[in-house]
Amino acid sequence: MAASGPETTSLRYHNKVVIVTGGTKGIGEAIVKVFVKNGARVVFCSKEETASDLEAELRESRPGAAIYVCCDVTKEEDIQYALPYLRKTQGNIINISSLVGVIGQKHAIPYVATKGAVTAMTKAMAVDESRHNVRVNSISPGNIWTPLWEELSSHSTNPEAMILGGKDAQLLGRMGTSEECAKAALYLAAEGTFCTGIDLFLTGGAELNYANKNQQKTHSSIYD
């Protein structure tokens, strides 16, 4: 039996198994790193053929561990049917949705529809799985600075203006970080043990104040 010193007892997910889909970039990658840092044994997946660089980086990480598995959900043979095991272990599921699934977004009907479905599925699944003591929750981020955001802005006619608009959508006047999303996931998994069926807004207040956000700070400074 391994000794349980301060370095292990302070870890928030020590020796627990975590599966992260879409775990090679952005929010997914941050979730993998945060759980490994907190002692978890993580399997991370994506449809990429290889994730050798990230896997090698995480192999050197402590105190947890991580391994990569290629998974394309359009191929049935690749799908990991984990729910029976989660029922046995009374584990939990965390889905990544989006604020736009609740408030909508222009020119984005398919994306908004899929994220709304994720939120609704989370609640329905929480009801069904409660009899097995499996908790199911979701996180709805606002604007989070990720490689996807960086790529989209780089292809716009005015990248600086697009990024500023993304920041101004939040009351806090900035975008969130992937690590902040990962820490929210860790909270739901490790400490939020009385939470099920919730959709945690991680938005910097983007849904508040009738669409008037950080711009009011700039406008008011004109008259100061």
C-alpha atoms as a PDB file:
ATOM      1  CA  MET A   1       0.000   0.000   0.000  1.00  0.00           C
ATOM      2  CA  ALA A   2       1.324   3.398  -0.955  1.00  0.00           C
ATOM      3  CA  ALA A   3       1.868   5.951   1.772  1.00  0.00           C
ATOM      4  CA  SER A   4      -0.597   8.813   1.873  1.00  0.00           C
ATOM      5  CA  GLY A   5       1.431  11.892   2.631  1.00  0.00           C
ATOM      6  CA  PRO A   6       0.377  15.523   2.191  1.00  0.00           C
ATOM      7  CA  GLU A   7       1.304  15.329  -1.498  1.00  0.00           C
ATOM      8  CA  THR A   8      -1.450  12.741  -2.129  1.00  0.00           C
ATOM      9  CA  THR A   9      -4.138  13.718   0.369  1.00  0.00           C
ATOM     10  CA  SER A  10      -4.288  17.244  -1.044  1.00  0.00           C
ATOM     11  CA  LEU A  11      -5.008  15.969  -4.565  1.00  0.00           C
ATOM     12  CA  ARG A  12      -8.622  16.409  -5.584  1.00  0.00           C
ATOM     13  CA  TYR A  13      -9.035  13.396  -7.895  1.00  0.00           C
ATOM     14  CA  HIS A  14      -6.294  11.013  -6.818  1.00  0.00           C
ATOM     15  CA  ASN A  15      -6.237   7.599  -8.535  1.00  0.00           C
ATOM     16  CA  LYS A  16      -9.653   8.074 -10.160  1.00  0.00           C
ATOM     17  CA  VAL A  17     -10.149   7.243 -13.831  1.00  0.00           C
ATOM     18  CA  VAL A  18     -11.274  10.009 -16.200  1.00  0.00           C
ATOM     19  CA  ILE A  19     -12.186   9.831 -19.893  1.00  0.00           C
ATOM     20  CA  VAL A  20     -11.952  13.097 -21.843  1.00  0.00           C
ATOM     21  CA  THR A  21     -13.300  13.194 -25.392  1.00  0.00           C
ATOM     22  CA  GLY A  22     -11.929  15.895 -27.682  1.00  0.00           C
ATOM     23  CA  GLY A  23      -8.966  16.012 -25.327  1.00  0.00           C
ATOM     24  CA  THR A  24      -6.170  17.107 -27.655  1.00  0.00           C
ATOM     25  CA  LYS A  25      -6.826  20.844 -27.916  1.00  0.00           C
ATOM     26  CA  GLY A  26      -8.579  23.807 -26.332  1.00  0.00           C
ATOM     27  CA  ILE A  27     -10.866  23.169 -23.376  1.00  0.00           C
ATOM     28  CA  GLY A  28     -10.489  19.394 -23.639  1.00  0.00           C
ATOM     29  CA  GLU A  29      -6.708  19.564 -23.446  1.00  0.00           C
ATOM     30  CA  ALA A  30      -6.907  21.862 -20.414  1.00  0.00           C
ATOM     31  CA  ILE A  31      -9.281  19.430 -18.691  1.00  0.00           C
ATOM     32  CA  VAL A  32      -6.834  16.573 -19.269  1.00  0.00           C
ATOM     33  CA  LYS A  33      -3.956  18.571 -17.767  1.00  0.00           C
ATOM     34  CA  VAL A  34      -5.915  19.746 -14.702  1.00  0.00           C
ATOM     35  CA  PHE A  35      -7.121  16.242 -13.863  1.00  0.00           C
ATOM     36  CA  VAL A  36      -3.630  14.755 -14.312  1.00  0.00           C
ATOM     37  CA  LYS A  37      -2.269  17.491 -12.043  1.00  0.00           C
ATOM     38  CA  ASN A  38      -4.809  16.433  -9.434  1.00  0.00           C
ATOM     39  CA  GLY A  39      -3.808  12.788  -9.480  1.00  0.00           C
ATOM     40  CA  ALA A  40      -6.277  11.270 -11.941  1.00  0.00           C
ATOM     41  CA  ARG A  41      -5.554   8.544 -14.454  1.00  0.00           C
ATOM     42  CA  VAL A  42      -6.812  10.062 -17.679  1.00  0.00           C
ATOM     43  CA  VAL A  43      -7.689   8.511 -21.020  1.00  0.00           C
ATOM     44  CA  PHE A  44      -8.060  11.278 -23.594  1.00  0.00           C
ATOM     45  CA  CYS A  45      -9.529  10.828 -27.042  1.00  0.00           C
ATOM     46  CA  SER A  46     -10.012  12.570 -30.369  1.00  0.00           C
ATOM     47  CA  LYS A  47     -10.316  11.591 -34.008  1.00  0.00           C
ATOM     48  CA  GLU A  48      -6.748  12.656 -34.747  1.00  0.00           C
ATOM     49  CA  GLU A  49      -4.455   9.872 -35.866  1.00  0.00           C
ATOM     50  CA  THR A  50      -1.880  10.772 -33.266  1.00  0.00           C
ATOM     51  CA  ALA A  51      -1.375  12.990 -30.262  1.00  0.00           C
ATOM     52  CA  SER A  52       2.183  11.931 -29.527  1.00  0.00           C
ATOM     53  CA  ASP A  53       3.457  15.354 -28.441  1.00  0.00           C
ATOM     54  CA  LEU A  54       0.738  15.889 -25.863  1.00  0.00           C
ATOM     55  CA  GLU A  55       0.912  12.287 -24.687  1.00  0.00           C
ATOM     56  CA  ALA A  56       4.678  12.563 -24.248  1.00  0.00           C
ATOM     57  CA  GLU A  57       4.283  15.815 -22.328  1.00  0.00           C
ATOM     58  CA  LEU A  58       1.703  14.279 -20.010  1.00  0.00           C
ATOM     59  CA  ARG A  59       3.735  11.106 -19.568  1.00  0.00           C
ATOM     60  CA  GLU A  60       6.258  13.189 -17.682  1.00  0.00           C
ATOM     61  CA  SER A  61       3.541  14.789 -15.564  1.00  0.00           C
ATOM     62  CA  ARG A  62       2.903  13.866 -11.989  1.00  0.00           C
ATOM     63  CA  PRO A  63       1.175  12.792  -9.886  1.00  0.00           C
ATOM     64  CA  GLY A  64      -1.450  11.496 -12.325  1.00  0.00           C
ATOM     65  CA  ALA A  65      -1.037   9.820 -15.697  1.00  0.00           C
ATOM     66  CA  ALA A  66      -2.552  10.034 -19.178  1.00  0.00           C
ATOM     67  CA  ILE A  67      -2.855   7.885 -22.270  1.00  0.00           C
ATOM     68  CA  TYR A  68      -4.214   8.771 -25.717  1.00  0.00           C
ATOM     69  CA  VAL A  69      -6.752   6.671 -27.653  1.00  0.00           C
ATOM     70  CA  CYS A  70      -7.843   7.546 -31.186  1.00  0.00           C
ATOM     71  CA  CYS A  71     -11.646   7.740 -31.303  1.00  0.00           C
ATOM     72  CA  ASP A  72     -13.910   8.789 -34.161  1.00  0.00           C
ATOM     73  CA  VAL A  73     -17.514   8.807 -32.939  1.00  0.00           C
ATOM     74  CA  THR A  74     -18.758   8.387 -36.503  1.00  0.00           C
ATOM     75  CA  LYS A  75     -17.323   4.851 -36.328  1.00  0.00           C
ATOM     76  CA  GLU A  76     -19.281   2.590 -34.010  1.00  0.00           C
ATOM     77  CA  GLU A  77     -16.273   0.379 -33.313  1.00  0.00           C
ATOM     78  CA  ASP A  78     -14.431   3.396 -31.848  1.00  0.00           C
ATOM     79  CA  ILE A  79     -17.134   4.391 -29.353  1.00  0.00           C
ATOM     80  CA  GLN A  80     -16.329   3.748 -25.598  1.00  0.00           C
ATOM     81  CA  TYR A  81     -19.633   2.599 -23.956  1.00  0.00           C
ATOM     82  CA  ALA A  82     -18.683   3.733 -20.461  1.00  0.00           C
ATOM     83  CA  LEU A  83     -22.111   4.131 -18.827  1.00  0.00           C
ATOM     84  CA  PRO A  84     -22.350   0.549 -17.436  1.00  0.00           C
ATOM     85  CA  TYR A  85     -19.021   1.092 -15.656  1.00  0.00           C
ATOM     86  CA  LEU A  86     -20.072   4.508 -14.382  1.00  0.00           C
ATOM     87  CA  ARG A  87     -23.139   2.882 -12.852  1.00  0.00           C
ATOM     88  CA  LYS A  88     -20.977   0.325 -11.082  1.00  0.00           C
ATOM     89  CA  THR A  89     -18.636   2.959  -9.700  1.00  0.00           C
ATOM     90  CA  GLN A  90     -21.273   5.680  -9.178  1.00  0.00           C
ATOM     91  CA  GLY A  91     -19.244   8.023 -11.327  1.00  0.00           C
ATOM     92  CA  ASN A  92     -20.275  11.241 -13.005  1.00  0.00           C
ATOM     93  CA  ILE A  93     -20.566  12.790 -16.460  1.00  0.00           C
ATOM     94  CA  ILE A  94     -19.714  16.379 -17.434  1.00  0.00           C
ATOM     95  CA  ASN A  95     -20.832  17.644 -20.825  1.00  0.00           C
ATOM     96  CA  ILE A  96     -19.479  20.815 -22.422  1.00  0.00           C
ATOM     97  CA  SER A  97     -22.352  22.858 -23.805  1.00  0.00           C
ATOM     98  CA  SER A  98     -22.401  26.599 -24.547  1.00  0.00           C
ATOM     99  CA  LEU A  99     -24.132  29.766 -23.416  1.00  0.00           C
ATOM    100  CA  VAL A 100     -25.517  30.195 -26.935  1.00  0.00           C
ATOM    101  CA  GLY A 101     -27.581  27.047 -26.419  1.00  0.00           C
ATOM    102  CA  VAL A 102     -29.611  29.142 -23.971  1.00  0.00           C
ATOM    103  CA  ILE A 103     -29.487  32.691 -25.368  1.00  0.00           C
ATOM    104  CA  GLY A 104     -29.055  31.979 -29.108  1.00  0.00           C
ATOM    105  CA  GLN A 105     -26.623  33.474 -31.610  1.00  0.00           C
ATOM    106  CA  LYS A 106     -27.037  34.945 -35.080  1.00  0.00           C
ATOM    107  CA  HIS A 107     -25.946  33.004 -38.160  1.00  0.00           C
ATOM    108  CA  ALA A 108     -25.290  29.870 -36.090  1.00  0.00           C
ATOM    109  CA  ILE A 109     -28.472  27.779 -36.129  1.00  0.00           C
ATOM    110  CA  PRO A 110     -26.799  24.326 -36.389  1.00  0.00           C
ATOM    111  CA  TYR A 111     -24.246  25.111 -33.659  1.00  0.00           C
ATOM    112  CA  VAL A 112     -26.843  26.619 -31.329  1.00  0.00           C
ATOM    113  CA  ALA A 113     -29.165  23.663 -31.920  1.00  0.00           C
ATOM    114  CA  THR A 114     -26.486  21.115 -31.053  1.00  0.00           C
ATOM    115  CA  LYS A 115     -25.478  22.946 -27.875  1.00  0.00           C
ATOM    116  CA  GLY A 116     -29.106  23.331 -26.805  1.00  0.00           C
ATOM    117  CA  ALA A 117     -29.456  19.588 -27.317  1.00  0.00           C
ATOM    118  CA  VAL A 118     -26.423  18.925 -25.108  1.00  0.00           C
ATOM    119  CA  THR A 119     -27.956  20.956 -22.274  1.00  0.00           C
ATOM    120  CA  ALA A 120     -31.345  19.253 -22.624  1.00  0.00           C
ATOM    121  CA  MET A 121     -29.734  15.796 -22.854  1.00  0.00           C
ATOM    122  CA  THR A 122     -27.784  16.503 -19.677  1.00  0.00           C
ATOM    123  CA  LYS A 123     -30.941  17.210 -17.703  1.00  0.00           C
ATOM    124  CA  ALA A 124     -32.821  14.208 -19.086  1.00  0.00           C
ATOM    125  CA  MET A 125     -29.866  11.926 -18.467  1.00  0.00           C
ATOM    126  CA  ALA A 126     -29.506  13.213 -14.902  1.00  0.00           C
ATOM    127  CA  VAL A 127     -33.106  12.129 -14.261  1.00  0.00           C
ATOM    128  CA  ASP A 128     -32.620   8.654 -15.734  1.00  0.00           C
ATOM    129  CA  GLU A 129     -29.257   7.979 -14.112  1.00  0.00           C
ATOM    130  CA  SER A 130     -30.160   9.230 -10.638  1.00  0.00           C
ATOM    131  CA  ARG A 131     -31.417   5.727  -9.790  1.00  0.00           C
ATOM    132  CA  HIS A 132     -27.850   4.515 -10.310  1.00  0.00           C
ATOM    133  CA  ASN A 133     -26.321   7.438  -8.351  1.00  0.00           C
ATOM    134  CA  VAL A 134     -24.600   8.681 -11.501  1.00  0.00           C
ATOM    135  CA  ARG A 135     -24.472  12.474 -11.582  1.00  0.00           C
ATOM    136  CA  VAL A 136     -24.757  14.257 -14.943  1.00  0.00           C
ATOM    137  CA  ASN A 137     -23.962  17.968 -15.300  1.00  0.00           C
ATOM    138  CA  SER A 138     -22.930  20.396 -18.017  1.00  0.00           C
ATOM    139  CA  ILE A 139     -20.832  23.535 -18.344  1.00  0.00           C
ATOM    140  CA  SER A 140     -21.930  26.368 -20.639  1.00  0.00           C
ATOM    141  CA  PRO A 141     -18.972  28.628 -21.375  1.00  0.00           C
ATOM    142  CA  GLY A 142     -19.209  32.096 -22.852  1.00  0.00           C
ATOM    143  CA  ASN A 143     -16.327  33.377 -24.973  1.00  0.00           C
ATOM    144  CA  ILE A 144     -13.248  31.328 -24.120  1.00  0.00           C
ATOM    145  CA  TRP A 145      -9.888  32.083 -25.734  1.00  0.00           C
ATOM    146  CA  THR A 146      -9.022  28.834 -27.520  1.00  0.00           C
ATOM    147  CA  PRO A 147      -7.129  27.867 -30.701  1.00  0.00           C
ATOM    148  CA  LEU A 148     -10.498  27.877 -32.492  1.00  0.00           C
ATOM    149  CA  TRP A 149     -11.182  31.485 -31.441  1.00  0.00           C
ATOM    150  CA  GLU A 150      -7.668  32.447 -32.531  1.00  0.00           C
ATOM    151  CA  GLU A 151      -8.126  30.753 -35.911  1.00  0.00           C
ATOM    152  CA  LEU A 152     -11.519  32.325 -36.558  1.00  0.00           C
ATOM    153  CA  SER A 153     -10.316  35.814 -35.694  1.00  0.00           C
ATOM    154  CA  SER A 154      -7.223  35.452 -37.880  1.00  0.00           C
ATOM    155  CA  HIS A 155      -9.474  34.873 -40.892  1.00  0.00           C
ATOM    156  CA  SER A 156     -11.674  37.904 -40.244  1.00  0.00           C
ATOM    157  CA  THR A 157     -11.238  41.219 -42.047  1.00  0.00           C
ATOM    158  CA  ASN A 158     -10.342  42.928 -38.763  1.00  0.00           C
ATOM    159  CA  PRO A 159      -8.940  40.429 -36.234  1.00  0.00           C
ATOM    160  CA  GLU A 160      -8.309  43.038 -33.536  1.00  0.00           C
ATOM    161  CA  ALA A 161     -11.884  44.315 -33.690  1.00  0.00           C
ATOM    162  CA  MET A 162     -13.263  40.780 -33.586  1.00  0.00           C
ATOM    163  CA  ILE A 163     -11.194  39.893 -30.538  1.00  0.00           C
ATOM    164  CA  LEU A 164     -12.181  43.136 -28.794  1.00  0.00           C
ATOM    165  CA  GLY A 165     -15.838  42.359 -29.489  1.00  0.00           C
ATOM    166  CA  GLY A 166     -15.337  38.909 -28.019  1.00  0.00           C
ATOM    167  CA  LYS A 167     -13.871  40.421 -24.869  1.00  0.00           C
ATOM    168  CA  ASP A 168     -16.540  43.098 -24.606  1.00  0.00           C
ATOM    169  CA  ALA A 169     -19.330  40.513 -24.607  1.00  0.00           C
ATOM    170  CA  GLN A 170     -18.522  39.762 -20.952  1.00  0.00           C
ATOM    171  CA  LEU A 171     -19.168  42.054 -18.002  1.00  0.00           C
ATOM    172  CA  LEU A 172     -15.651  41.237 -16.810  1.00  0.00           C
ATOM    173  CA  GLY A 173     -14.240  42.681 -20.037  1.00  0.00           C
ATOM    174  CA  ARG A 174     -12.202  39.657 -21.047  1.00  0.00           C
ATOM    175  CA  MET A 175     -12.554  36.164 -22.434  1.00  0.00           C
ATOM    176  CA  GLY A 176     -12.348  33.155 -20.182  1.00  0.00           C
ATOM    177  CA  THR A 177      -9.483  30.675 -20.322  1.00  0.00           C
ATOM    178  CA  SER A 178      -9.466  26.971 -21.063  1.00  0.00           C
ATOM    179  CA  GLU A 179      -7.942  26.393 -17.621  1.00  0.00           C
ATOM    180  CA  GLU A 180     -10.902  28.137 -15.966  1.00  0.00           C
ATOM    181  CA  CYS A 181     -13.216  25.716 -17.782  1.00  0.00           C
ATOM    182  CA  ALA A 182     -11.067  22.804 -16.652  1.00  0.00           C
ATOM    183  CA  LYS A 183     -11.202  23.940 -13.033  1.00  0.00           C
ATOM    184  CA  ALA A 184     -14.998  24.145 -13.266  1.00  0.00           C
ATOM    185  CA  ALA A 185     -15.064  20.548 -14.530  1.00  0.00           C
ATOM    186  CA  LEU A 186     -12.813  19.474 -11.666  1.00  0.00           C
ATOM    187  CA  TYR A 187     -15.145  21.145  -9.171  1.00  0.00           C
ATOM    188  CA  LEU A 188     -18.197  19.330 -10.551  1.00  0.00           C
ATOM    189  CA  ALA A 189     -16.356  16.014 -10.483  1.00  0.00           C
ATOM    190  CA  ALA A 190     -14.611  16.336  -7.138  1.00  0.00           C
ATOM    191  CA  GLU A 191     -16.588  18.669  -4.878  1.00  0.00           C
ATOM    192  CA  GLY A 192     -19.975  19.211  -6.515  1.00  0.00           C
ATOM    193  CA  THR A 193     -21.263  15.914  -5.178  1.00  0.00           C
ATOM    194  CA  PHE A 194     -24.795  17.262  -4.565  1.00  0.00           C
ATOM    195  CA  CYS A 195     -25.037  18.676  -8.092  1.00  0.00           C
ATOM    196  CA  THR A 196     -26.834  16.808 -10.824  1.00  0.00           C
ATOM    197  CA  GLY A 197     -28.731  18.099 -13.845  1.00  0.00           C
ATOM    198  CA  ILE A 198     -27.244  21.572 -13.520  1.00  0.00           C
ATOM    199  CA  ASP A 199     -25.881  23.706 -16.354  1.00  0.00           C
ATOM    200  CA  LEU A 200     -23.009  25.727 -14.906  1.00  0.00           C
ATOM    201  CA  PHE A 201     -22.630  29.108 -16.608  1.00  0.00           C
ATOM    202  CA  LEU A 202     -18.969  30.034 -17.064  1.00  0.00           C
ATOM    203  CA  THR A 203     -19.580  33.284 -18.863  1.00  0.00           C
ATOM    204  CA  GLY A 204     -18.114  36.332 -17.136  1.00  0.00           C
ATOM    205  CA  GLY A 205     -21.658  37.723 -17.055  1.00  0.00           C
ATOM    206  CA  ALA A 206     -22.209  37.594 -20.840  1.00  0.00           C
ATOM    207  CA  GLU A 207     -25.905  36.793 -20.411  1.00  0.00           C
ATOM    208  CA  LEU A 208     -26.604  39.834 -18.211  1.00  0.00           C
ATOM    209  CA  ASN A 209     -27.518  43.503 -18.761  1.00  0.00           C
ATOM    210  CA  TYR A 210     -29.592  43.333 -21.955  1.00  0.00           C
ATOM    211  CA  ALA A 211     -26.577  42.819 -24.237  1.00  0.00           C
ATOM    212  CA  ASN A 212     -24.830  45.983 -22.968  1.00  0.00           C
ATOM    213  CA  LYS A 213     -21.591  44.676 -21.583  1.00  0.00           C
ATOM    214  CA  ASN A 214     -18.104  46.026 -21.154  1.00  0.00           C
ATOM    215  CA  GLN A 215     -18.653  48.767 -23.756  1.00  0.00           C
ATOM    216  CA  GLN A 216     -20.397  50.850 -21.084  1.00  0.00           C
ATOM    217  CA  LYS A 217     -17.042  51.256 -19.321  1.00  0.00           C
ATOM    218  CA  THR A 218     -15.506  52.702 -22.471  1.00  0.00           C
ATOM    219  CA  HIS A 219     -18.479  54.959 -23.123  1.00  0.00           C
ATOM    220  CA  SER A 220     -18.601  56.314 -19.594  1.00  0.00           C
ATOM    221  CA  SER A 221     -14.901  57.148 -19.671  1.00  0.00           C
ATOM    222  CA  ILE A 222     -15.611  59.748 -22.389  1.00  0.00           C
ATOM    223  CA  TYR A 223     -17.467  61.831 -19.847  1.00  0.00           C
ATOM    224  CA  ASP A 224     -15.104  61.313 -16.923  1.00  0.00           C
END
